[in-house]
């Protein structure tokens, strides 16, 4: 990731357009160019999107390339691989030009990050803290490198962590109808 511009506010970020298709995150006021997503990451996100559709989550509550403003030393906006909106956060985005949940909007029900090589620290540490500060009820870290899915659930002001591997079925308190194993999610990116 390459830093492009510093000292941006969230408003600057919302209005930024360099005329390209380059994707950026705003991290502590710095515009950071995001690398192109790997096929593995996008296939896992697409597989999960389809799984949530199958259990009846309306397509209007599913977000790919949706962003959320989070706490940082300065303005920060993250773009998870998949966002499952609560009814309230989906409604808050209705009619907006950009799919970015600002600090005054309700949090989504779930964010999913698929770990990329050499980005483990970002997903396991930084984003965990940032998403916790927004009180996001559930945060999944899908890690094809370590072959595990970490589910973090917001309980009494903290994230409680459960790790799933192999044929262990994912347990989601917020999405109990979901019937997936860690292996199904992790292997989604390997199928053609």
Protein backbone atom coordinates (compact mmCIF):
# COMPACT_ATOMS: atom_id res chain seq x y z
CA UNK A 1 0.00 0.00 0.00
CA UNK A 2 1.23 3.44 -0.93
CA UNK A 3 0.38 6.68 0.86
CA UNK A 4 -0.86 9.21 -1.67
CA UNK A 5 -1.90 12.30 0.26
CA UNK A 6 -1.90 13.23 3.94
CA UNK A 7 -3.93 15.40 6.31
CA UNK A 8 -7.31 14.67 4.74
CA UNK A 9 -10.55 14.98 6.62
CA UNK A 10 -13.42 12.56 6.11
CA UNK A 11 -15.15 15.28 4.07
CA UNK A 12 -12.03 15.69 1.88
CA UNK A 13 -12.02 11.92 1.38
CA UNK A 14 -15.70 11.84 0.42
CA UNK A 15 -15.07 14.51 -2.20
CA UNK A 16 -11.76 13.11 -3.50
CA UNK A 17 -11.69 11.96 -7.12
CA UNK A 18 -8.46 11.46 -9.00
CA UNK A 19 -10.26 10.42 -12.18
CA UNK A 20 -9.09 6.79 -11.98
CA UNK A 21 -10.60 3.53 -10.73
CA UNK A 22 -7.95 3.30 -7.98
CA UNK A 23 -9.38 2.24 -4.61
CA UNK A 24 -8.31 4.04 -1.44
CA UNK A 25 -8.77 3.78 2.28
CA UNK A 26 -8.32 6.78 4.53
CA UNK A 27 -6.01 5.87 7.41
CA UNK A 28 -5.23 8.49 10.05
CA UNK A 29 -5.82 11.27 7.53
CA UNK A 30 -3.64 9.67 4.86
CA UNK A 31 -5.04 8.52 1.54
CA UNK A 32 -3.74 4.95 1.10
CA UNK A 33 -3.88 3.22 -2.27
CA UNK A 34 -5.32 -0.26 -1.87
CA UNK A 35 -3.77 -3.10 -3.86
CA UNK A 36 -5.87 -4.98 -6.37
CA UNK A 37 -7.83 -7.72 -4.62
CA UNK A 38 -6.69 -11.26 -5.25
CA UNK A 39 -8.99 -13.70 -6.99
CA UNK A 40 -9.00 -15.78 -3.79
CA UNK A 41 -10.25 -12.86 -1.69
CA UNK A 42 -12.96 -11.83 -4.12
CA UNK A 43 -14.21 -15.41 -4.54
CA UNK A 44 -14.45 -15.89 -0.77
CA UNK A 45 -16.36 -12.59 -0.43
CA UNK A 46 -18.69 -13.57 -3.31
CA UNK A 47 -19.26 -17.02 -1.79
CA UNK A 48 -20.22 -15.45 1.54
CA UNK A 49 -22.46 -12.91 -0.16
CA UNK A 50 -24.32 -15.78 -1.87
CA UNK A 51 -24.58 -17.67 1.44
CA UNK A 52 -26.18 -14.66 3.13
CA UNK A 53 -28.61 -14.26 0.23
CA UNK A 54 -29.56 -17.94 0.61
CA UNK A 55 -30.52 -17.47 4.27
CA UNK A 56 -32.80 -14.58 3.35
CA UNK A 57 -30.70 -11.49 3.94
CA UNK A 58 -32.05 -8.91 1.46
CA UNK A 59 -29.62 -7.83 -1.25
CA UNK A 60 -30.14 -4.24 -0.07
CA UNK A 61 -28.32 -5.17 3.15
CA UNK A 62 -25.28 -6.71 1.43
CA UNK A 63 -22.32 -4.52 0.57
CA UNK A 64 -19.15 -5.06 -1.38
CA UNK A 65 -16.94 -1.96 -1.63
CA UNK A 66 -18.94 -0.29 1.12
CA UNK A 67 -16.93 1.69 3.64
CA UNK A 68 -17.18 2.67 7.27
CA UNK A 69 -15.65 5.60 9.13
CA UNK A 70 -13.77 4.39 12.20
CA UNK A 71 -11.74 6.00 14.97
CA UNK A 72 -8.09 6.78 14.39
CA UNK A 73 -5.54 9.41 15.32
CA UNK A 74 -7.10 11.36 12.42
CA UNK A 75 -9.88 10.56 9.97
CA UNK A 76 -10.02 6.87 8.97
CA UNK A 77 -12.40 5.00 6.64
CA UNK A 78 -12.11 1.25 6.04
CA UNK A 79 -13.42 -0.89 3.19
CA UNK A 80 -14.09 -4.45 4.36
CA UNK A 81 -14.30 -7.26 1.82
CA UNK A 82 -17.97 -7.76 2.70
CA UNK A 83 -20.41 -5.78 4.82
CA UNK A 84 -23.78 -7.08 6.02
CA UNK A 85 -25.87 -4.07 6.93
CA UNK A 86 -28.35 -3.87 9.72
CA UNK A 87 -31.72 -2.55 8.57
CA UNK A 88 -30.75 0.76 10.17
CA UNK A 89 -27.36 1.09 8.45
CA UNK A 90 -28.87 0.11 5.08
CA UNK A 91 -31.56 2.77 5.53
CA UNK A 92 -28.92 5.36 6.48
CA UNK A 93 -27.18 4.81 3.12
CA UNK A 94 -30.39 5.11 1.07
CA UNK A 95 -30.03 7.84 -1.52
CA UNK A 96 -26.41 8.66 -0.67
CA UNK A 97 -23.92 9.10 -3.49
CA UNK A 98 -21.28 7.02 -1.68
CA UNK A 99 -21.62 3.82 0.34
CA UNK A 100 -19.77 5.11 3.40
CA UNK A 101 -21.18 4.81 6.92
CA UNK A 102 -20.12 7.96 8.74
CA UNK A 103 -19.73 8.21 12.52
CA UNK A 104 -23.28 9.49 12.96
CA UNK A 105 -24.80 6.45 11.20
CA UNK A 106 -25.60 3.08 12.80
CA UNK A 107 -23.00 0.32 12.44
CA UNK A 108 -23.49 -2.63 10.11
CA UNK A 109 -24.42 -6.03 11.56
CA UNK A 110 -21.24 -7.72 10.28
CA UNK A 111 -17.98 -6.92 8.53
CA UNK A 112 -15.80 -9.58 6.90
CA UNK A 113 -12.12 -9.16 6.13
CA UNK A 114 -10.25 -11.74 4.04
CA UNK A 115 -6.60 -11.63 5.06
CA UNK A 116 -4.10 -10.91 2.32
CA UNK A 117 -0.44 -11.92 2.54
CA UNK A 118 1.60 -9.55 4.73
CA UNK A 119 -1.57 -7.78 5.93
CA UNK A 120 -2.29 -9.92 8.99
CA UNK A 121 -1.44 -7.16 11.48
CA UNK A 122 -3.88 -4.79 9.81
CA UNK A 123 -6.83 -7.23 9.96
CA UNK A 124 -6.12 -8.88 13.33
CA UNK A 125 -5.04 -5.80 15.31
CA UNK A 126 -5.83 -2.44 13.76
CA UNK A 127 -9.22 -3.20 12.26
CA UNK A 128 -10.27 -5.23 15.30
CA UNK A 129 -9.77 -2.14 17.48
CA UNK A 130 -11.41 0.17 14.96
CA UNK A 131 -14.46 -2.03 14.44
CA UNK A 132 -14.82 -2.54 18.18
CA UNK A 133 -14.90 1.23 18.67
CA UNK A 134 -17.87 1.33 16.25
CA UNK A 135 -19.60 -1.48 18.25
CA UNK A 136 -20.03 -3.63 15.16
CA UNK A 137 -21.85 -6.72 16.50
CA UNK A 138 -19.81 -9.22 14.49
CA UNK A 139 -16.42 -9.14 12.75
CA UNK A 140 -15.11 -12.13 10.79
CA UNK A 141 -11.48 -12.56 9.83
CA UNK A 142 -11.21 -15.16 7.08
CA UNK A 143 -7.57 -16.20 6.89
CA UNK A 144 -6.72 -18.49 3.95
CA UNK A 145 -3.03 -18.31 4.90
CA UNK A 146 -3.54 -19.70 8.43
CA UNK A 147 -6.55 -21.81 7.28
CA UNK A 148 -8.94 -20.45 9.91
CA UNK A 149 -11.96 -18.23 10.36
CA UNK A 150 -12.01 -16.02 13.43
CA UNK A 151 -15.43 -14.82 14.55
CA UNK A 152 -15.48 -11.85 16.91
CA UNK A 153 -18.79 -11.07 18.61
CA UNK A 154 -19.54 -7.89 20.54
CA UNK A 155 -20.44 -8.94 24.10
CA UNK A 156 -20.67 -6.51 27.02
CA UNK A 157 -18.39 -3.92 25.42
CA UNK A 158 -15.67 -6.28 24.13
CA UNK A 159 -15.11 -8.70 21.28
CA UNK A 160 -15.21 -12.37 22.26
CA UNK A 161 -13.21 -14.50 19.86
CA UNK A 162 -13.87 -17.98 18.49
CA UNK A 163 -11.62 -19.67 15.95
CA UNK A 164 -12.92 -22.22 13.45
CA UNK A 165 -10.87 -24.60 11.33
CA UNK A 166 -11.54 -27.54 9.03
CA UNK A 167 -15.05 -28.94 9.25
CA UNK A 168 -16.04 -26.95 12.34
CA UNK A 169 -19.36 -25.23 11.72
CA UNK A 170 -19.32 -21.46 12.12
CA UNK A 171 -21.60 -20.32 14.93
CA UNK A 172 -23.04 -16.85 14.49
CA UNK A 173 -25.37 -15.50 17.16
CA UNK A 174 -26.52 -12.80 14.75
CA UNK A 175 -27.06 -15.15 11.79
CA UNK A 176 -28.07 -18.52 13.31
CA UNK A 177 -29.53 -19.82 10.02
CA UNK A 178 -26.09 -19.73 8.41
CA UNK A 179 -24.73 -23.27 8.05
CA UNK A 180 -21.15 -23.09 6.86
CA UNK A 181 -17.92 -24.71 7.95
CA UNK A 182 -14.55 -23.02 7.97
CA UNK A 183 -13.41 -25.40 5.20
CA UNK A 184 -16.34 -24.42 2.95
CA UNK A 185 -15.50 -20.74 3.30
CA UNK A 186 -11.75 -21.21 2.87
CA UNK A 187 -12.10 -23.49 -0.14
CA UNK A 188 -14.50 -21.10 -1.91
CA UNK A 189 -11.58 -19.24 -3.41
CA UNK A 190 -10.01 -22.43 -4.75
CA UNK A 191 -12.95 -23.50 -6.91
CA UNK A 192 -13.18 -22.47 -10.50
